[in-house]
Amino acid sequence: MKILLALLLLIPSLSWGLDIKFDGYVFNSDTGEFLNFDKDGSFTGLLNIEIDNKYKLEPLNGAWEPKCFPDRDYCRVEIYSANISCIYSVYFKKPSFYWFENFDRNFKNVCFDFLAKKKEFNLDDIDLSFLNEAIKNK
């Protein structure tokens, strides 16, 4: 057993990368952004969008796809909402934060970097009144 363990430690290709569980969790920032990743592949959230050099939180919903790498210290999550497409590289930061860093986007005024905390999604904990206001104001 000791020999097997020693051999596994000597093989560099068998590294353990980051594996973030996204589905069923919401990632909230202190500045209002959040992404809620549902288990069915859909998401809802608020992200900053820059319009006329001003930032405004806009509600988004659509589809998402995660990808974690066995040999890297981050995961990627792609989100698609209407005509917006974004790819975030997501890093774990101690003690319990996640850094969403923009990797790619189809418009330069969306999908900015943000720091978030992860929480298991529970409908009873979410106040969705802001979505009703956002829809009324459009």
C-alpha atoms as a PDB file:
ATOM      1  CA  MET A   1       0.000   0.000   0.000  1.00  0.00           C
ATOM      2  CA  LYS A   2       2.812   2.422   0.851  1.00  0.00           C
ATOM      3  CA  ILE A   3       4.493   1.684  -2.481  1.00  0.00           C
ATOM      4  CA  LEU A   4       1.259   2.399  -4.388  1.00  0.00           C
ATOM      5  CA  LEU A   5       0.799   5.705  -2.565  1.00  0.00           C
ATOM      6  CA  ALA A   6       4.423   6.668  -3.246  1.00  0.00           C
ATOM      7  CA  LEU A   7       4.008   5.882  -6.944  1.00  0.00           C
ATOM      8  CA  LEU A   8       0.830   7.959  -7.168  1.00  0.00           C
ATOM      9  CA  LEU A   9       2.611  10.932  -5.605  1.00  0.00           C
ATOM     10  CA  LEU A  10       5.446  10.635  -8.119  1.00  0.00           C
ATOM     11  CA  ILE A  11       3.179  10.772 -11.189  1.00  0.00           C
ATOM     12  CA  PRO A  12       2.726  14.491 -11.996  1.00  0.00           C
ATOM     13  CA  SER A  13      -0.133  13.935 -14.456  1.00  0.00           C
ATOM     14  CA  LEU A  14      -2.361  12.668 -11.656  1.00  0.00           C
ATOM     15  CA  SER A  15      -2.944  16.044 -10.057  1.00  0.00           C
ATOM     16  CA  TRP A  16      -6.215  17.021  -8.451  1.00  0.00           C
ATOM     17  CA  GLY A  17      -7.653  20.221  -9.872  1.00  0.00           C
ATOM     18  CA  LEU A  18     -10.467  22.387  -8.638  1.00  0.00           C
ATOM     19  CA  ASP A  19     -13.983  20.974  -8.872  1.00  0.00           C
ATOM     20  CA  ILE A  20     -16.680  23.528  -8.068  1.00  0.00           C
ATOM     21  CA  LYS A  21     -20.251  22.371  -7.701  1.00  0.00           C
ATOM     22  CA  PHE A  22     -22.396  25.012  -9.415  1.00  0.00           C
ATOM     23  CA  ASP A  23     -25.788  23.372  -9.873  1.00  0.00           C
ATOM     24  CA  GLY A  24     -28.234  24.120  -7.093  1.00  0.00           C
ATOM     25  CA  TYR A  25     -26.152  27.021  -5.757  1.00  0.00           C
ATOM     26  CA  VAL A  26     -26.333  30.793  -5.895  1.00  0.00           C
ATOM     27  CA  PHE A  27     -23.187  32.948  -5.992  1.00  0.00           C
ATOM     28  CA  ASN A  28     -23.757  36.410  -4.417  1.00  0.00           C
ATOM     29  CA  SER A  29     -21.444  39.428  -4.464  1.00  0.00           C
ATOM     30  CA  ASP A  30     -21.394  42.369  -2.048  1.00  0.00           C
ATOM     31  CA  THR A  31     -22.116  44.708  -4.969  1.00  0.00           C
ATOM     32  CA  GLY A  32     -25.407  43.100  -5.995  1.00  0.00           C
ATOM     33  CA  GLU A  33     -24.371  40.680  -8.712  1.00  0.00           C
ATOM     34  CA  PHE A  34     -25.588  37.146  -8.321  1.00  0.00           C
ATOM     35  CA  LEU A  35     -25.862  34.006 -10.400  1.00  0.00           C
ATOM     36  CA  ASN A  36     -28.209  31.179  -9.454  1.00  0.00           C
ATOM     37  CA  PHE A  37     -27.369  27.971 -11.308  1.00  0.00           C
ATOM     38  CA  ASP A  38     -30.292  25.542 -11.466  1.00  0.00           C
ATOM     39  CA  LYS A  39     -29.789  21.806 -11.796  1.00  0.00           C
ATOM     40  CA  ASP A  40     -31.716  21.755 -15.088  1.00  0.00           C
ATOM     41  CA  GLY A  41     -29.084  23.913 -16.849  1.00  0.00           C
ATOM     42  CA  SER A  42     -30.934  27.215 -16.545  1.00  0.00           C
ATOM     43  CA  PHE A  43     -29.830  30.234 -14.525  1.00  0.00           C
ATOM     44  CA  THR A  44     -31.169  33.529 -13.216  1.00  0.00           C
ATOM     45  CA  GLY A  45     -29.139  36.435 -11.989  1.00  0.00           C
ATOM     46  CA  LEU A  46     -28.216  40.083 -11.875  1.00  0.00           C
ATOM     47  CA  LEU A  47     -25.050  41.310 -13.584  1.00  0.00           C
ATOM     48  CA  ASN A  48     -23.629  44.765 -14.117  1.00  0.00           C
ATOM     49  CA  ILE A  49     -23.969  46.124 -17.624  1.00  0.00           C
ATOM     50  CA  GLU A  50     -22.226  49.330 -18.691  1.00  0.00           C
ATOM     51  CA  ILE A  51     -24.418  51.808 -20.552  1.00  0.00           C
ATOM     52  CA  ASP A  52     -23.156  55.346 -21.283  1.00  0.00           C
ATOM     53  CA  ASN A  53     -20.220  54.904 -18.864  1.00  0.00           C
ATOM     54  CA  LYS A  54     -22.599  53.980 -16.011  1.00  0.00           C
ATOM     55  CA  TYR A  55     -23.032  50.553 -14.468  1.00  0.00           C
ATOM     56  CA  LYS A  56     -26.487  49.143 -13.876  1.00  0.00           C
ATOM     57  CA  LEU A  57     -27.546  45.781 -12.484  1.00  0.00           C
ATOM     58  CA  GLU A  58     -29.668  44.017 -15.076  1.00  0.00           C
ATOM     59  CA  PRO A  59     -31.652  40.809 -14.613  1.00  0.00           C
ATOM     60  CA  LEU A  60     -30.579  37.927 -16.839  1.00  0.00           C
ATOM     61  CA  ASN A  61     -31.823  34.395 -17.326  1.00  0.00           C
ATOM     62  CA  GLY A  62     -30.890  31.671 -19.716  1.00  0.00           C
ATOM     63  CA  ALA A  63     -28.682  28.607 -19.929  1.00  0.00           C
ATOM     64  CA  TRP A  64     -25.323  27.750 -18.380  1.00  0.00           C
ATOM     65  CA  GLU A  65     -22.619  25.116 -18.857  1.00  0.00           C
ATOM     66  CA  PRO A  66     -19.796  24.319 -16.405  1.00  0.00           C
ATOM     67  CA  LYS A  67     -16.389  22.804 -17.106  1.00  0.00           C
ATOM     68  CA  CYS A  68     -13.767  21.944 -14.501  1.00  0.00           C
ATOM     69  CA  PHE A  69     -10.273  20.807 -15.389  1.00  0.00           C
ATOM     70  CA  PRO A  70      -8.439  18.024 -13.537  1.00  0.00           C
ATOM     71  CA  ASP A  71      -5.070  19.780 -13.878  1.00  0.00           C
ATOM     72  CA  ARG A  72      -5.990  23.453 -13.288  1.00  0.00           C
ATOM     73  CA  ASP A  73      -6.901  25.583 -10.303  1.00  0.00           C
ATOM     74  CA  TYR A  74     -10.103  26.967 -11.834  1.00  0.00           C
ATOM     75  CA  CYS A  75     -13.349  25.987 -13.492  1.00  0.00           C
ATOM     76  CA  ARG A  76     -15.119  27.694 -16.352  1.00  0.00           C
ATOM     77  CA  VAL A  77     -18.791  28.509 -16.541  1.00  0.00           C
ATOM     78  CA  GLU A  78     -20.478  29.732 -19.726  1.00  0.00           C
ATOM     79  CA  ILE A  79     -23.732  31.674 -19.534  1.00  0.00           C
ATOM     80  CA  TYR A  80     -26.127  32.469 -22.364  1.00  0.00           C
ATOM     81  CA  SER A  81     -28.953  34.988 -22.023  1.00  0.00           C
ATOM     82  CA  ALA A  82     -30.820  36.479 -25.007  1.00  0.00           C
ATOM     83  CA  ASN A  83     -27.944  37.725 -27.215  1.00  0.00           C
ATOM     84  CA  ILE A  84     -25.349  37.788 -24.396  1.00  0.00           C
ATOM     85  CA  SER A  85     -22.705  35.086 -24.130  1.00  0.00           C
ATOM     86  CA  CYS A  86     -20.066  35.103 -21.379  1.00  0.00           C
ATOM     87  CA  ILE A  87     -17.378  32.752 -20.172  1.00  0.00           C
ATOM     88  CA  TYR A  88     -16.069  33.151 -16.630  1.00  0.00           C
ATOM     89  CA  SER A  89     -12.999  31.494 -15.156  1.00  0.00           C
ATOM     90  CA  VAL A  90     -13.960  30.752 -11.547  1.00  0.00           C
ATOM     91  CA  TYR A  91     -11.281  30.493  -8.845  1.00  0.00           C
ATOM     92  CA  PHE A  92     -11.708  29.495  -5.210  1.00  0.00           C
ATOM     93  CA  LYS A  93     -10.306  32.119  -2.807  1.00  0.00           C
ATOM     94  CA  LYS A  94      -9.843  31.443   0.897  1.00  0.00           C
ATOM     95  CA  PRO A  95     -11.627  31.455   3.238  1.00  0.00           C
ATOM     96  CA  SER A  96     -14.875  30.938   1.275  1.00  0.00           C
ATOM     97  CA  PHE A  97     -15.010  33.173  -1.799  1.00  0.00           C
ATOM     98  CA  TYR A  98     -15.170  32.603  -5.549  1.00  0.00           C
ATOM     99  CA  TRP A  99     -13.571  34.975  -8.056  1.00  0.00           C
ATOM    100  CA  PHE A 100     -15.537  35.182 -11.319  1.00  0.00           C
ATOM    101  CA  GLU A 101     -13.020  36.476 -13.856  1.00  0.00           C
ATOM    102  CA  ASN A 102     -14.177  37.302 -17.358  1.00  0.00           C
ATOM    103  CA  PHE A 103     -12.500  35.015 -19.870  1.00  0.00           C
ATOM    104  CA  ASP A 104     -14.559  35.851 -22.957  1.00  0.00           C
ATOM    105  CA  ARG A 105     -17.714  37.770 -23.848  1.00  0.00           C
ATOM    106  CA  ASN A 106     -19.474  38.807 -27.030  1.00  0.00           C
ATOM    107  CA  PHE A 107     -20.006  42.442 -25.911  1.00  0.00           C
ATOM    108  CA  LYS A 108     -17.423  44.549 -24.069  1.00  0.00           C
ATOM    109  CA  ASN A 109     -20.002  46.176 -21.761  1.00  0.00           C
ATOM    110  CA  VAL A 110     -21.160  42.983 -20.002  1.00  0.00           C
ATOM    111  CA  CYS A 111     -19.819  40.226 -17.746  1.00  0.00           C
ATOM    112  CA  PHE A 112     -17.389  42.065 -15.509  1.00  0.00           C
ATOM    113  CA  ASP A 113     -15.262  40.368 -12.842  1.00  0.00           C
ATOM    114  CA  PHE A 114     -16.753  39.950  -9.371  1.00  0.00           C
ATOM    115  CA  LEU A 115     -16.089  38.254  -6.043  1.00  0.00           C
ATOM    116  CA  ALA A 116     -18.901  36.099  -4.654  1.00  0.00           C
ATOM    117  CA  LYS A 117     -19.883  33.763  -1.852  1.00  0.00           C
ATOM    118  CA  LYS A 118     -21.543  30.441  -2.574  1.00  0.00           C
ATOM    119  CA  LYS A 119     -24.777  29.412  -0.910  1.00  0.00           C
ATOM    120  CA  GLU A 120     -27.094  26.504  -1.516  1.00  0.00           C
ATOM    121  CA  PHE A 121     -30.126  27.816  -3.375  1.00  0.00           C
ATOM    122  CA  ASN A 122     -33.378  27.920  -1.467  1.00  0.00           C
ATOM    123  CA  LEU A 123     -36.425  29.676  -2.933  1.00  0.00           C
ATOM    124  CA  ASP A 124     -37.566  30.718   0.536  1.00  0.00           C
ATOM    125  CA  ASP A 125     -34.365  32.755   1.029  1.00  0.00           C
ATOM    126  CA  ILE A 126     -34.557  34.790  -2.185  1.00  0.00           C
ATOM    127  CA  ASP A 127     -36.438  38.067  -2.448  1.00  0.00           C
ATOM    128  CA  LEU A 128     -37.380  38.314  -6.129  1.00  0.00           C
ATOM    129  CA  SER A 129     -39.241  41.630  -5.864  1.00  0.00           C
ATOM    130  CA  PHE A 130     -36.390  43.387  -7.685  1.00  0.00           C
ATOM    131  CA  LEU A 131     -37.166  41.302 -10.799  1.00  0.00           C
ATOM    132  CA  ASN A 132     -40.746  42.573 -10.826  1.00  0.00           C
ATOM    133  CA  GLU A 133     -39.461  46.155 -10.532  1.00  0.00           C
ATOM    134  CA  ALA A 134     -36.947  45.618 -13.340  1.00  0.00           C
ATOM    135  CA  ILE A 135     -39.652  44.237 -15.629  1.00  0.00           C
ATOM    136  CA  LYS A 136     -42.000  47.157 -14.828  1.00  0.00           C
ATOM    137  CA  ASN A 137     -39.251  49.716 -15.559  1.00  0.00           C
ATOM    138  CA  LYS A 138     -38.416  48.335 -19.014  1.00  0.00           C
END
